[in-house]
Amino acid sequence: MTDELLTVPEVMKRLRLGRSTVYDLIRSHRLVSITIGRSRRVPASALHEFIHHQIAEAA
């Protein structure tokens, strides 16, 4: 399986959220992420799933 891994700044830009908010989403397990070495990465599929979940909650 190939999945693009996004950096926190890339997620911040796509969601138009601040760094602390993105890390809060990760810490609360609302946004799935992985750690590679000392770097935190968010699979693009996890970001899409998060967005769709937010849309479903708002409806």
Protein backbone atom coordinates (compact mmCIF):
# COMPACT_ATOMS: atom_id res chain seq x y z
CA MET A 1 0.00 0.00 0.00
CA THR A 2 1.38 3.40 -0.90
CA ASP A 3 0.09 6.40 0.98
CA GLU A 4 1.47 9.91 0.90
CA LEU A 5 2.82 10.96 4.30
CA LEU A 6 2.22 14.60 5.17
CA THR A 7 4.25 16.71 7.57
CA VAL A 8 2.51 18.68 10.32
CA PRO A 9 3.09 21.97 8.44
CA GLU A 10 1.45 20.42 5.34
CA VAL A 11 -1.55 19.35 7.43
CA MET A 12 -1.69 22.82 8.98
CA LYS A 13 -1.81 24.38 5.52
CA ARG A 14 -4.47 21.98 4.20
CA LEU A 15 -6.74 22.40 7.23
CA ARG A 16 -5.85 26.07 7.77
CA LEU A 17 -5.21 25.36 11.44
CA GLY A 18 -2.39 26.24 13.80
CA ARG A 19 0.38 23.90 14.90
CA SER A 20 -0.98 23.41 18.42
CA THR A 21 -4.45 22.55 17.11
CA VAL A 22 -3.04 19.91 14.74
CA TYR A 23 -0.97 18.40 17.56
CA ASP A 24 -4.07 18.43 19.81
CA LEU A 25 -5.97 16.47 17.13
CA ILE A 26 -3.10 13.98 16.98
CA ARG A 27 -2.82 13.73 20.78
CA SER A 28 -6.56 13.12 21.13
CA HIS A 29 -6.39 10.40 18.43
CA ARG A 30 -8.87 12.27 16.24
CA LEU A 31 -6.17 12.49 13.56
CA VAL A 32 -4.04 9.40 12.97
CA SER A 33 -0.29 9.89 12.69
CA ILE A 34 2.92 7.91 12.78
CA THR A 35 6.40 8.73 14.02
CA ILE A 36 9.43 8.02 11.88
CA GLY A 37 12.54 8.75 13.88
CA ARG A 38 11.78 12.12 15.43
CA SER A 39 9.39 13.19 12.66
CA ARG A 40 5.61 13.07 12.91
CA ARG A 41 3.76 12.18 9.70
CA VAL A 42 0.06 12.03 8.88
CA PRO A 43 -1.05 9.63 6.14
CA ALA A 44 -3.05 11.48 3.50
CA SER A 45 -5.79 8.87 3.84
CA ALA A 46 -6.06 9.66 7.57
CA LEU A 47 -6.46 13.35 6.76
CA HIS A 48 -9.21 12.58 4.24
CA GLU A 49 -10.94 10.31 6.76
CA PHE A 50 -10.76 13.06 9.41
CA ILE A 51 -12.29 15.59 7.01
CA HIS A 52 -15.11 13.24 6.00
CA HIS A 53 -15.83 12.47 9.65
CA GLN A 54 -16.02 16.20 10.44
CA ILE A 55 -18.42 16.72 7.51
CA ALA A 56 -20.61 13.82 8.69
CA GLU A 57 -20.73 15.23 12.24
CA ALA A 58 -21.73 18.66 10.93
CA ALA A 59 -24.60 17.27 8.86
